[in-house]
Amino acid sequence: MSAETAATLAEPGSKPKRTRRLRTWLGELSTTVKAIGGVAAAIAAIVGLVFLFFPDLRPAPTSDEGSATLSKPTLEQPVTYRQYLDRIEIPHDRSTEAELARPGVLAGVVVTIKGYRNQALPLRWYVLDVGTHDIVDQQSKKHALTADRNETPVAWPFWVELPEGEGPFKIVLQIYPPNAKPGETGVLPLAEAETEPFPGTTPA
């Protein structure tokens, strides 16, 4: 038998061998990929647990990635100024009886800050007449929140004296980037929320 004839007769049997080798190689490749995927998933799970139990180890977002959100504000009324001070455990001795007896509304919101660690974010609130869109009251002092970790949820309760008039009124809450000046033209807040409308008090 010539060499050419032997080669020709061997070709039909060589195809199944190549197919078996290809299947074996693909099987080994699939096993390797699954193993790598399993290791990657395990590493991701471990890293996630580390950040869960040690949030300060999470890489801090850059200034461009920083954000702040406000929850839907709660509203309670009527709450006197005395009752408000009792809620936040502040003594009454610096207020007169007339000041303590003033009726008002107690609002609260949860502020969540991401990034901006160790930076002060200015806060602002004001009371808006829903009918006229006029600001009838606003904070007289500067307020700010400073995040002590990469993601910080903070409760912000505050009291507002009940506005005169039938209303309705609503309180608008805002949080601004570091070094911003709330209320200035062209200065935009990071987040804003507003309470449900509420009635005022009509003078006798």
N, C-alpha and C. Protein backbone atom coordinates (compact mmCIF):
# COMPACT_ATOMS: atom_id res chain seq x y z
N MET A 1 0.86 -1.19 0.00
CA MET A 1 0.00 0.00 0.00
C MET A 1 0.89 1.23 0.00
N SER A 2 0.56 2.19 -0.88
CA SER A 2 1.40 3.38 -0.97
C SER A 2 1.12 4.29 0.21
N ALA A 3 2.04 5.26 0.40
CA ALA A 3 1.87 6.22 1.49
C ALA A 3 0.65 7.08 1.26
N GLU A 4 0.38 7.44 -0.02
CA GLU A 4 -0.78 8.27 -0.33
C GLU A 4 -2.06 7.54 0.01
N THR A 5 -2.10 6.22 -0.31
CA THR A 5 -3.30 5.43 -0.02
C THR A 5 -3.52 5.33 1.47
N ALA A 6 -2.43 5.13 2.24
CA ALA A 6 -2.55 5.03 3.70
C ALA A 6 -3.07 6.33 4.29
N ALA A 7 -2.57 7.46 3.77
CA ALA A 7 -3.02 8.75 4.27
C ALA A 7 -4.48 8.96 3.98
N THR A 8 -4.90 8.52 2.76
CA THR A 8 -6.30 8.69 2.38
C THR A 8 -7.21 7.86 3.25
N LEU A 9 -6.79 6.63 3.56
CA LEU A 9 -7.62 5.78 4.41
C LEU A 9 -7.66 6.26 5.85
N ALA A 10 -6.61 6.98 6.27
CA ALA A 10 -6.56 7.44 7.67
C ALA A 10 -7.41 8.67 7.91
N GLU A 11 -7.73 9.43 6.86
CA GLU A 11 -8.46 10.70 7.04
C GLU A 11 -9.83 10.53 7.66
N PRO A 12 -10.66 9.53 7.22
CA PRO A 12 -11.98 9.42 7.85
C PRO A 12 -11.91 9.20 9.35
N GLY A 13 -10.92 8.50 9.85
CA GLY A 13 -10.82 8.24 11.29
C GLY A 13 -10.22 9.39 12.06
N SER A 14 -9.57 10.34 11.39
CA SER A 14 -8.92 11.43 12.10
C SER A 14 -9.90 12.50 12.55
N LYS A 15 -11.04 12.64 11.86
CA LYS A 15 -12.01 13.68 12.21
C LYS A 15 -12.61 13.48 13.59
N PRO A 16 -13.06 12.28 13.97
CA PRO A 16 -13.56 12.09 15.34
C PRO A 16 -12.52 12.38 16.39
N LYS A 17 -11.24 12.05 16.11
CA LYS A 17 -10.19 12.34 17.09
C LYS A 17 -10.05 13.83 17.31
N ARG A 18 -10.06 14.59 16.18
CA ARG A 18 -9.95 16.05 16.33
C ARG A 18 -11.15 16.61 17.08
N THR A 19 -12.33 16.05 16.81
CA THR A 19 -13.54 16.52 17.50
C THR A 19 -13.45 16.26 19.00
N ARG A 20 -12.95 15.05 19.36
CA ARG A 20 -12.81 14.72 20.78
C ARG A 20 -11.81 15.65 21.46
N ARG A 21 -10.69 15.91 20.76
CA ARG A 21 -9.69 16.81 21.34
C ARG A 21 -10.27 18.21 21.53
N LEU A 22 -11.07 18.68 20.54
CA LEU A 22 -11.68 20.01 20.64
C LEU A 22 -12.65 20.07 21.81
N ARG A 23 -13.47 19.01 21.97
CA ARG A 23 -14.42 18.99 23.09
C ARG A 23 -13.69 18.98 24.43
N THR A 24 -12.61 18.21 24.49
CA THR A 24 -11.82 18.15 25.73
C THR A 24 -11.25 19.52 26.07
N TRP A 25 -10.71 20.20 25.04
CA TRP A 25 -10.12 21.53 25.25
C TRP A 25 -11.17 22.54 25.70
N LEU A 26 -12.36 22.49 25.05
CA LEU A 26 -13.44 23.40 25.43
C LEU A 26 -13.92 23.13 26.85
N GLY A 27 -13.98 21.84 27.22
CA GLY A 27 -14.39 21.50 28.58
C GLY A 27 -13.42 22.04 29.60
N GLU A 28 -12.11 21.89 29.33
CA GLU A 28 -11.10 22.41 30.25
C GLU A 28 -11.18 23.94 30.33
N LEU A 29 -11.42 24.58 29.19
CA LEU A 29 -11.53 26.04 29.17
C LEU A 29 -12.73 26.49 29.99
N SER A 30 -13.86 25.80 29.84
CA SER A 30 -15.06 26.15 30.60
C SER A 30 -14.82 26.01 32.10
N THR A 31 -14.13 24.93 32.49
CA THR A 31 -13.82 24.73 33.91
C THR A 31 -12.94 25.85 34.44
N THR A 32 -11.95 26.25 33.62
CA THR A 32 -11.05 27.33 34.03
C THR A 32 -11.80 28.64 34.19
N VAL A 33 -12.68 28.94 33.21
CA VAL A 33 -13.46 30.18 33.27
C VAL A 33 -14.36 30.19 34.50
N LYS A 34 -15.01 29.04 34.77
CA LYS A 34 -15.87 28.96 35.95
C LYS A 34 -15.07 29.16 37.23
N ALA A 35 -13.87 28.58 37.27
CA ALA A 35 -13.04 28.73 38.46
C ALA A 35 -12.64 30.18 38.66
N ILE A 36 -12.24 30.84 37.55
CA ILE A 36 -11.87 32.26 37.65
C ILE A 36 -13.07 33.10 38.09
N GLY A 37 -14.25 32.79 37.50
CA GLY A 37 -15.45 33.52 37.89
C GLY A 37 -15.79 33.32 39.35
N GLY A 38 -15.60 32.08 39.84
CA GLY A 38 -15.86 31.81 41.25
C GLY A 38 -14.93 32.58 42.15
N VAL A 39 -13.66 32.64 41.78
CA VAL A 39 -12.68 33.38 42.58
C VAL A 39 -13.03 34.87 42.58
N ALA A 40 -13.39 35.40 41.39
CA ALA A 40 -13.74 36.82 41.30
C ALA A 40 -14.96 37.14 42.15
N ALA A 41 -15.96 36.24 42.11
CA ALA A 41 -17.16 36.46 42.91
C ALA A 41 -16.84 36.41 44.40
N ALA A 42 -15.95 35.48 44.78
CA ALA A 42 -15.57 35.38 46.19
C ALA A 42 -14.84 36.63 46.65
N ILE A 43 -13.93 37.13 45.79
CA ILE A 43 -13.19 38.36 46.14
C ILE A 43 -14.16 39.53 46.27
N ALA A 44 -15.11 39.63 45.32
CA ALA A 44 -16.08 40.73 45.38
C ALA A 44 -16.92 40.65 46.65
N ALA A 45 -17.30 39.42 47.04
CA ALA A 45 -18.09 39.25 48.25
C ALA A 45 -17.29 39.66 49.49
N ILE A 46 -16.01 39.28 49.52
CA ILE A 46 -15.16 39.63 50.67
C ILE A 46 -14.99 41.14 50.76
N VAL A 47 -14.72 41.77 49.60
CA VAL A 47 -14.56 43.23 49.59
C VAL A 47 -15.85 43.91 50.04
N GLY A 48 -17.00 43.39 49.58
CA GLY A 48 -18.27 43.96 49.99
C GLY A 48 -18.49 43.86 51.49
N LEU A 49 -18.10 42.72 52.09
CA LEU A 49 -18.24 42.56 53.53
C LEU A 49 -17.31 43.50 54.29
N VAL A 50 -16.10 43.67 53.77
CA VAL A 50 -15.15 44.59 54.41
C VAL A 50 -15.73 46.00 54.44
N PHE A 51 -16.30 46.46 53.30
CA PHE A 51 -16.87 47.80 53.24
C PHE A 51 -18.13 47.90 54.10
N LEU A 52 -18.84 46.76 54.26
CA LEU A 52 -20.05 46.77 55.09
C LEU A 52 -19.71 46.97 56.56
N PHE A 53 -18.69 46.24 57.05
CA PHE A 53 -18.34 46.32 58.46
C PHE A 53 -17.35 47.45 58.75
N PHE A 54 -16.63 47.90 57.73
CA PHE A 54 -15.67 48.99 57.91
C PHE A 54 -15.90 50.03 56.80
N PRO A 55 -17.01 50.80 56.89
CA PRO A 55 -17.36 51.73 55.80
C PRO A 55 -16.32 52.81 55.56
N ASP A 56 -15.51 53.12 56.58
CA ASP A 56 -14.49 54.15 56.40
C ASP A 56 -13.39 53.72 55.44
N LEU A 57 -13.29 52.40 55.16
CA LEU A 57 -12.28 51.91 54.22
C LEU A 57 -12.71 52.06 52.78
N ARG A 58 -14.00 52.35 52.55
CA ARG A 58 -14.49 52.50 51.18
C ARG A 58 -13.84 53.73 50.55
N PRO A 59 -13.36 53.63 49.32
CA PRO A 59 -12.74 54.80 48.67
C PRO A 59 -13.70 55.97 48.63
N ALA A 60 -13.20 57.14 48.98
CA ALA A 60 -14.05 58.33 49.01
C ALA A 60 -14.37 58.80 47.60
N PRO A 61 -15.65 59.14 47.32
CA PRO A 61 -15.98 59.69 46.01
C PRO A 61 -15.26 61.03 45.80
N THR A 62 -15.01 61.37 44.57
CA THR A 62 -14.42 62.67 44.27
C THR A 62 -15.48 63.75 44.45
N SER A 63 -15.05 65.01 44.35
CA SER A 63 -15.99 66.12 44.50
C SER A 63 -17.09 66.05 43.45
N ASP A 64 -16.72 65.60 42.24
CA ASP A 64 -17.72 65.50 41.18
C ASP A 64 -18.72 64.38 41.45
N GLU A 65 -18.32 63.37 42.23
CA GLU A 65 -19.18 62.24 42.51
C GLU A 65 -19.99 62.43 43.79
N GLY A 66 -19.67 63.45 44.60
CA GLY A 66 -20.39 63.68 45.84
C GLY A 66 -21.84 64.05 45.58
N SER A 67 -22.71 63.67 46.52
CA SER A 67 -24.13 63.96 46.35
C SER A 67 -24.79 64.06 47.72
N ALA A 68 -26.01 64.57 47.71
CA ALA A 68 -26.81 64.66 48.93
C ALA A 68 -28.27 64.48 48.55
N THR A 69 -29.01 63.77 49.39
CA THR A 69 -30.43 63.56 49.16
C THR A 69 -31.20 63.88 50.44
N LEU A 70 -32.45 64.28 50.27
CA LEU A 70 -33.33 64.57 51.39
C LEU A 70 -34.54 63.64 51.31
N SER A 71 -34.90 63.06 52.44
CA SER A 71 -36.10 62.22 52.47
C SER A 71 -37.34 63.10 52.43
N LYS A 72 -38.50 62.46 52.29
CA LYS A 72 -39.76 63.21 52.37
C LYS A 72 -39.92 63.74 53.78
N PRO A 73 -40.03 65.06 53.96
CA PRO A 73 -40.09 65.62 55.32
C PRO A 73 -41.36 65.20 56.06
N THR A 74 -41.22 65.05 57.36
CA THR A 74 -42.37 64.83 58.24
C THR A 74 -42.81 66.18 58.80
N LEU A 75 -44.05 66.24 59.24
CA LEU A 75 -44.59 67.50 59.74
C LEU A 75 -45.56 67.20 60.89
N GLU A 76 -45.39 67.94 61.99
CA GLU A 76 -46.27 67.76 63.15
C GLU A 76 -46.67 69.14 63.67
N GLN A 77 -47.96 69.31 63.92
CA GLN A 77 -48.45 70.57 64.48
C GLN A 77 -49.77 70.34 65.21
N PRO A 78 -50.11 71.20 66.19
CA PRO A 78 -49.27 72.29 66.71
C PRO A 78 -48.27 71.76 67.73
N VAL A 79 -47.07 72.33 67.71
CA VAL A 79 -46.03 71.99 68.67
C VAL A 79 -45.48 73.32 69.20
N THR A 80 -45.57 73.54 70.50
CA THR A 80 -45.04 74.79 71.05
C THR A 80 -43.51 74.75 71.07
N TYR A 81 -42.94 75.93 71.23
CA TYR A 81 -41.48 76.01 71.28
C TYR A 81 -40.95 75.25 72.50
N ARG A 82 -41.69 75.29 73.61
CA ARG A 82 -41.30 74.53 74.80
C ARG A 82 -41.25 73.03 74.49
N GLN A 83 -42.28 72.54 73.80
CA GLN A 83 -42.32 71.11 73.45
C GLN A 83 -41.16 70.73 72.53
N TYR A 84 -40.84 71.63 71.62
CA TYR A 84 -39.71 71.37 70.72
C TYR A 84 -38.40 71.25 71.49
N LEU A 85 -38.16 72.18 72.42
CA LEU A 85 -36.94 72.12 73.22
C LEU A 85 -36.88 70.84 74.05
N ASP A 86 -38.04 70.41 74.54
CA ASP A 86 -38.08 69.16 75.30
C ASP A 86 -37.70 67.97 74.41
N ARG A 87 -38.16 67.99 73.17
CA ARG A 87 -37.87 66.88 72.24
C ARG A 87 -36.37 66.75 71.98
N ILE A 88 -35.71 67.89 71.81
CA ILE A 88 -34.28 67.84 71.47
C ILE A 88 -33.39 68.02 72.71
N GLU A 89 -34.03 68.01 73.89
CA GLU A 89 -33.32 68.02 75.18
C GLU A 89 -32.44 69.25 75.35
N ILE A 90 -33.05 70.42 75.13
CA ILE A 90 -32.37 71.70 75.35
C ILE A 90 -33.09 72.42 76.50
N PRO A 91 -32.36 72.95 77.48
CA PRO A 91 -32.99 73.64 78.62
C PRO A 91 -33.80 74.86 78.18
N HIS A 92 -34.78 75.23 79.03
CA HIS A 92 -35.66 76.36 78.72
C HIS A 92 -35.15 77.68 79.28
N ASP A 93 -34.09 77.66 80.07
CA ASP A 93 -33.75 78.83 80.89
C ASP A 93 -33.36 80.06 80.09
N ARG A 94 -33.10 79.93 78.80
CA ARG A 94 -32.73 81.10 78.00
C ARG A 94 -33.92 81.69 77.25
N SER A 95 -35.10 81.16 77.48
CA SER A 95 -36.30 81.63 76.78
C SER A 95 -37.34 82.11 77.80
N THR A 96 -38.12 83.10 77.39
CA THR A 96 -39.18 83.60 78.25
C THR A 96 -40.40 82.70 78.13
N GLU A 97 -41.34 82.87 79.06
CA GLU A 97 -42.57 82.08 79.02
C GLU A 97 -43.36 82.36 77.74
N ALA A 98 -43.34 83.62 77.31
CA ALA A 98 -44.06 83.97 76.08
C ALA A 98 -43.43 83.27 74.87
N GLU A 99 -42.11 83.22 74.84
CA GLU A 99 -41.43 82.54 73.73
C GLU A 99 -41.70 81.04 73.75
N LEU A 100 -41.71 80.47 74.94
CA LEU A 100 -41.93 79.03 75.06
C LEU A 100 -43.35 78.63 74.67
N ALA A 101 -44.29 79.56 74.83
CA ALA A 101 -45.70 79.25 74.54
C ALA A 101 -46.06 79.42 73.07
N ARG A 102 -45.15 79.92 72.25
CA ARG A 102 -45.47 80.15 70.84
C ARG A 102 -45.83 78.84 70.13
N PRO A 103 -46.94 78.85 69.37
CA PRO A 103 -47.28 77.64 68.60
C PRO A 103 -46.45 77.56 67.32
N GLY A 104 -46.19 76.35 66.89
CA GLY A 104 -45.40 76.19 65.67
C GLY A 104 -45.58 74.82 65.07
N VAL A 105 -44.73 74.52 64.10
CA VAL A 105 -44.73 73.21 63.45
C VAL A 105 -43.34 72.59 63.63
N LEU A 106 -43.32 71.30 63.84
CA LEU A 106 -42.07 70.56 63.98
C LEU A 106 -41.88 69.74 62.71
N ALA A 107 -40.83 70.05 61.98
CA ALA A 107 -40.52 69.34 60.73
C ALA A 107 -39.26 68.52 60.93
N GLY A 108 -39.14 67.48 60.14
CA GLY A 108 -37.95 66.63 60.22
C GLY A 108 -37.66 66.00 58.87
N VAL A 109 -36.39 65.81 58.59
CA VAL A 109 -35.98 65.21 57.32
C VAL A 109 -34.68 64.45 57.56
N VAL A 110 -34.47 63.38 56.80
CA VAL A 110 -33.22 62.63 56.86
C VAL A 110 -32.35 63.06 55.68
N VAL A 111 -31.17 63.56 56.00
CA VAL A 111 -30.22 64.00 54.98
C VAL A 111 -29.17 62.91 54.81
N THR A 112 -28.97 62.45 53.58
CA THR A 112 -27.93 61.45 53.30
C THR A 112 -26.87 62.07 52.41
N ILE A 113 -25.66 62.13 52.93
CA ILE A 113 -24.54 62.74 52.21
C ILE A 113 -23.58 61.64 51.77
N LYS A 114 -23.22 61.64 50.50
CA LYS A 114 -22.23 60.71 49.96
C LYS A 114 -21.03 61.53 49.47
N GLY A 115 -19.86 61.14 49.95
CA GLY A 115 -18.68 61.94 49.64
C GLY A 115 -18.62 63.14 50.57
N TYR A 116 -17.86 64.15 50.20
CA TYR A 116 -17.73 65.39 50.98
C TYR A 116 -17.30 65.13 52.41
N ARG A 117 -16.50 64.10 52.62
CA ARG A 117 -16.09 63.78 53.99
C ARG A 117 -15.32 64.94 54.61
N ASN A 118 -15.70 65.27 55.85
CA ASN A 118 -15.09 66.36 56.63
C ASN A 118 -15.29 67.73 56.00
N GLN A 119 -16.31 67.87 55.16
CA GLN A 119 -16.65 69.16 54.58
C GLN A 119 -18.04 69.57 55.04
N ALA A 120 -18.21 70.86 55.31
CA ALA A 120 -19.48 71.38 55.80
C ALA A 120 -20.39 71.73 54.62
N LEU A 121 -21.59 71.17 54.62
CA LEU A 121 -22.58 71.46 53.58
C LEU A 121 -23.66 72.37 54.17
N PRO A 122 -23.81 73.59 53.66
CA PRO A 122 -24.79 74.52 54.20
C PRO A 122 -26.23 74.02 54.03
N LEU A 123 -27.05 74.32 55.03
CA LEU A 123 -28.47 73.99 55.01
C LEU A 123 -29.29 75.27 54.98
N ARG A 124 -30.48 75.17 54.41
CA ARG A 124 -31.38 76.32 54.39
C ARG A 124 -32.82 75.85 54.46
N TRP A 125 -33.65 76.61 55.19
CA TRP A 125 -35.09 76.37 55.15
C TRP A 125 -35.80 77.72 55.07
N TYR A 126 -36.97 77.70 54.47
CA TYR A 126 -37.82 78.90 54.47
C TYR A 126 -39.28 78.47 54.36
N VAL A 127 -40.16 79.35 54.83
CA VAL A 127 -41.60 79.09 54.80
C VAL A 127 -42.20 79.87 53.65
N LEU A 128 -42.96 79.17 52.82
CA LEU A 128 -43.51 79.78 51.61
C LEU A 128 -45.03 79.82 51.71
N ASP A 129 -45.60 80.99 51.38
CA ASP A 129 -47.05 81.10 51.25
C ASP A 129 -47.43 80.47 49.91
N VAL A 130 -48.20 79.39 49.95
CA VAL A 130 -48.51 78.66 48.72
C VAL A 130 -49.33 79.52 47.76
N GLY A 131 -50.18 80.39 48.30
CA GLY A 131 -51.03 81.21 47.45
C GLY A 131 -50.28 82.35 46.77
N THR A 132 -49.45 83.06 47.53
CA THR A 132 -48.75 84.23 46.99
C THR A 132 -47.32 83.92 46.53
N HIS A 133 -46.80 82.76 46.95
CA HIS A 133 -45.41 82.35 46.65
C HIS A 133 -44.38 83.28 47.30
N ASP A 134 -44.81 83.99 48.34
CA ASP A 134 -43.88 84.85 49.08
C ASP A 134 -43.23 84.05 50.21
N ILE A 135 -41.97 84.37 50.50
CA ILE A 135 -41.30 83.79 51.66
C ILE A 135 -41.73 84.59 52.89
N VAL A 136 -42.37 83.94 53.84
CA VAL A 136 -42.89 84.64 55.02
C VAL A 136 -42.02 84.41 56.25
N ASP A 137 -41.11 83.47 56.19
CA ASP A 137 -40.19 83.22 57.30
C ASP A 137 -39.02 82.40 56.77
N GLN A 138 -37.86 82.55 57.40
CA GLN A 138 -36.70 81.76 57.03
C GLN A 138 -35.70 81.77 58.17
N GLN A 139 -34.73 80.87 58.08
CA GLN A 139 -33.76 80.74 59.17
C GLN A 139 -32.97 82.03 59.34
N SER A 140 -32.66 82.35 60.59
CA SER A 140 -31.90 83.56 60.88
C SER A 140 -30.43 83.27 61.15
N LYS A 141 -30.09 81.99 61.33
CA LYS A 141 -28.71 81.61 61.58
C LYS A 141 -28.24 80.62 60.51
N LYS A 142 -26.93 80.58 60.32
CA LYS A 142 -26.37 79.63 59.36
C LYS A 142 -26.33 78.24 59.97
N HIS A 143 -26.73 77.25 59.17
CA HIS A 143 -26.68 75.86 59.59
C HIS A 143 -25.89 75.07 58.56
N ALA A 144 -25.19 74.04 59.02
CA ALA A 144 -24.42 73.20 58.10
C ALA A 144 -24.29 71.80 58.69
N LEU A 145 -24.14 70.82 57.81
CA LEU A 145 -23.88 69.44 58.22
C LEU A 145 -22.50 69.04 57.71
N THR A 146 -21.73 68.39 58.57
CA THR A 146 -20.41 67.90 58.19
C THR A 146 -20.40 66.38 58.23
N ALA A 147 -20.10 65.76 57.10
CA ALA A 147 -20.07 64.29 57.03
C ALA A 147 -18.77 63.78 57.63
N ASP A 148 -18.87 62.80 58.55
CA ASP A 148 -17.67 62.24 59.16
C ASP A 148 -17.27 60.91 58.54
N ARG A 149 -17.98 60.48 57.51
CA ARG A 149 -17.61 59.27 56.77
C ARG A 149 -18.08 59.43 55.33
N ASN A 150 -17.78 58.43 54.50
CA ASN A 150 -18.07 58.57 53.07
C ASN A 150 -19.56 58.60 52.75
N GLU A 151 -20.37 57.94 53.59
CA GLU A 151 -21.82 57.99 53.40
C GLU A 151 -22.46 58.20 54.76
N THR A 152 -23.14 59.33 54.92
CA THR A 152 -23.65 59.71 56.23
C THR A 152 -25.12 60.08 56.17
N PRO A 153 -26.02 59.28 56.80
CA PRO A 153 -27.40 59.71 56.97
C PRO A 153 -27.57 60.44 58.31
N VAL A 154 -28.20 61.59 58.28
CA VAL A 154 -28.36 62.41 59.48
C VAL A 154 -29.80 62.90 59.56
N ALA A 155 -30.40 62.81 60.76
CA ALA A 155 -31.74 63.36 60.98
C ALA A 155 -31.62 64.85 61.28
N TRP A 156 -32.47 65.64 60.63
CA TRP A 156 -32.45 67.10 60.81
C TRP A 156 -33.84 67.55 61.26
N PRO A 157 -34.06 67.68 62.59
CA PRO A 157 -35.34 68.20 63.08
C PRO A 157 -35.23 69.71 63.33
N PHE A 158 -36.30 70.43 63.08
CA PHE A 158 -36.29 71.87 63.39
C PHE A 158 -37.73 72.36 63.57
N TRP A 159 -37.82 73.48 64.27
CA TRP A 159 -39.12 74.05 64.63
C TRP A 159 -39.30 75.39 63.93
N VAL A 160 -40.53 75.64 63.47
CA VAL A 160 -40.86 76.90 62.80
C VAL A 160 -42.10 77.47 63.46
N GLU A 161 -42.04 78.74 63.82
CA GLU A 161 -43.22 79.37 64.41
C GLU A 161 -44.36 79.40 63.39
N LEU A 162 -45.57 79.14 63.87
CA LEU A 162 -46.72 79.08 62.98
C LEU A 162 -46.95 80.45 62.34
N PRO A 163 -46.96 80.54 61.01
CA PRO A 163 -47.13 81.84 60.36
C PRO A 163 -48.53 82.41 60.59
N GLU A 164 -48.62 83.73 60.56
CA GLU A 164 -49.92 84.37 60.65
C GLU A 164 -50.60 84.35 59.29
N GLY A 165 -51.90 84.15 59.30
CA GLY A 165 -52.66 84.08 58.06
C GLY A 165 -53.25 82.70 57.87
N GLU A 166 -54.22 82.61 56.97
CA GLU A 166 -54.90 81.34 56.74
C GLU A 166 -54.02 80.34 56.01
N GLY A 167 -53.11 80.84 55.18
CA GLY A 167 -52.28 79.92 54.40
C GLY A 167 -53.02 79.41 53.17
N PRO A 168 -52.69 78.23 52.69
CA PRO A 168 -51.74 77.29 53.30
C PRO A 168 -50.28 77.70 53.08
N PHE A 169 -49.43 77.11 53.93
CA PHE A 169 -47.99 77.36 53.86
C PHE A 169 -47.27 76.01 53.69
N LYS A 170 -46.02 76.09 53.29
CA LYS A 170 -45.18 74.91 53.26
C LYS A 170 -43.74 75.31 53.56
N ILE A 171 -42.97 74.36 54.07
CA ILE A 171 -41.57 74.61 54.38
C ILE A 171 -40.71 73.96 53.31
N VAL A 172 -39.78 74.72 52.77
CA VAL A 172 -38.85 74.22 51.76
C VAL A 172 -37.48 74.04 52.43
N LEU A 173 -36.88 72.87 52.23
CA LEU A 173 -35.58 72.55 52.82
C LEU A 173 -34.57 72.32 51.70
N GLN A 174 -33.36 72.82 51.90
CA GLN A 174 -32.33 72.71 50.87
C GLN A 174 -30.98 72.40 51.51
N ILE A 175 -30.12 71.70 50.76
CA ILE A 175 -28.74 71.46 51.17
C ILE A 175 -27.85 71.83 49.99
N TYR A 176 -26.73 72.48 50.29
CA TYR A 176 -25.87 73.06 49.25
C TYR A 176 -24.47 72.45 49.28
N PRO A 177 -23.72 72.61 48.19
CA PRO A 177 -22.33 72.13 48.17
C PRO A 177 -21.47 72.92 49.16
N PRO A 178 -20.31 72.39 49.53
CA PRO A 178 -19.41 73.12 50.44
C PRO A 178 -19.07 74.51 49.90
N ASN A 179 -19.02 75.47 50.81
CA ASN A 179 -18.63 76.85 50.51
C ASN A 179 -19.68 77.63 49.72
N ALA A 180 -20.82 77.02 49.42
CA ALA A 180 -21.88 77.75 48.71
C ALA A 180 -22.58 78.70 49.68
N LYS A 181 -23.18 79.74 49.13
CA LYS A 181 -23.92 80.72 49.93
C LYS A 181 -25.40 80.61 49.58
N PRO A 182 -26.17 79.90 50.43
CA PRO A 182 -27.59 79.68 50.13
C PRO A 182 -28.35 81.00 49.97
N GLY A 183 -29.26 81.00 49.00
CA GLY A 183 -30.09 82.17 48.79
C GLY A 183 -29.54 83.15 47.78
N GLU A 184 -28.25 83.04 47.44
CA GLU A 184 -27.69 83.97 46.46
C GLU A 184 -28.12 83.59 45.05
N THR A 185 -28.23 84.58 44.19
CA THR A 185 -28.64 84.34 42.81
C THR A 185 -27.64 83.44 42.09
N GLY A 186 -28.16 82.42 41.43
CA GLY A 186 -27.32 81.50 40.66
C GLY A 186 -26.73 80.36 41.46
N VAL A 187 -26.94 80.34 42.77
CA VAL A 187 -26.43 79.25 43.61
C VAL A 187 -27.51 78.18 43.73
N LEU A 188 -27.23 76.99 43.22
CA LEU A 188 -28.23 75.92 43.20
C LEU A 188 -27.95 74.89 44.30
N PRO A 189 -28.99 74.36 44.92
CA PRO A 189 -28.80 73.34 45.96
C PRO A 189 -28.48 71.98 45.37
N LEU A 190 -27.85 71.14 46.17
CA LEU A 190 -27.64 69.74 45.78
C LEU A 190 -28.96 68.98 45.80
N ALA A 191 -29.82 69.32 46.75
CA ALA A 191 -31.11 68.64 46.88
C ALA A 191 -32.09 69.58 47.56
N GLU A 192 -33.37 69.33 47.30
CA GLU A 192 -34.44 70.16 47.86
C GLU A 192 -35.64 69.29 48.16
N ALA A 193 -36.34 69.61 49.24
CA ALA A 193 -37.56 68.90 49.60
C ALA A 193 -38.52 69.89 50.23
N GLU A 194 -39.80 69.56 50.25
CA GLU A 194 -40.78 70.45 50.85
C GLU A 194 -41.83 69.65 51.60
N THR A 195 -42.37 70.26 52.65
CA THR A 195 -43.38 69.60 53.47
C THR A 195 -44.74 69.67 52.78
N GLU A 196 -45.67 68.92 53.34
CA GLU A 196 -47.06 69.05 52.92
C GLU A 196 -47.58 70.43 53.35
N PRO A 197 -48.52 71.00 52.62
CA PRO A 197 -49.09 72.30 53.02
C PRO A 197 -49.78 72.20 54.39
N PHE A 198 -49.73 73.29 55.13
CA PHE A 198 -50.37 73.33 56.45
C PHE A 198 -50.97 74.72 56.66
N PRO A 199 -52.01 74.83 57.49
CA PRO A 199 -52.65 76.12 57.73
C PRO A 199 -51.85 76.96 58.72
N GLY A 200 -52.04 78.27 58.65
CA GLY A 200 -51.42 79.17 59.61
C GLY A 200 -52.38 79.52 60.72
N THR A 201 -52.13 80.65 61.35
CA THR A 201 -53.00 81.10 62.42
C THR A 201 -53.52 82.48 62.06
N THR A 202 -54.81 82.68 62.19
CA THR A 202 -55.43 83.96 61.87
C THR A 202 -55.49 84.81 63.13
N PRO A 203 -54.91 86.03 63.10
CA PRO A 203 -54.93 86.89 64.29
C PRO A 203 -56.36 87.20 64.73
N ALA A 204 -56.56 87.31 66.03
CA ALA A 204 -57.90 87.62 66.56
C ALA A 204 -58.25 89.07 66.27
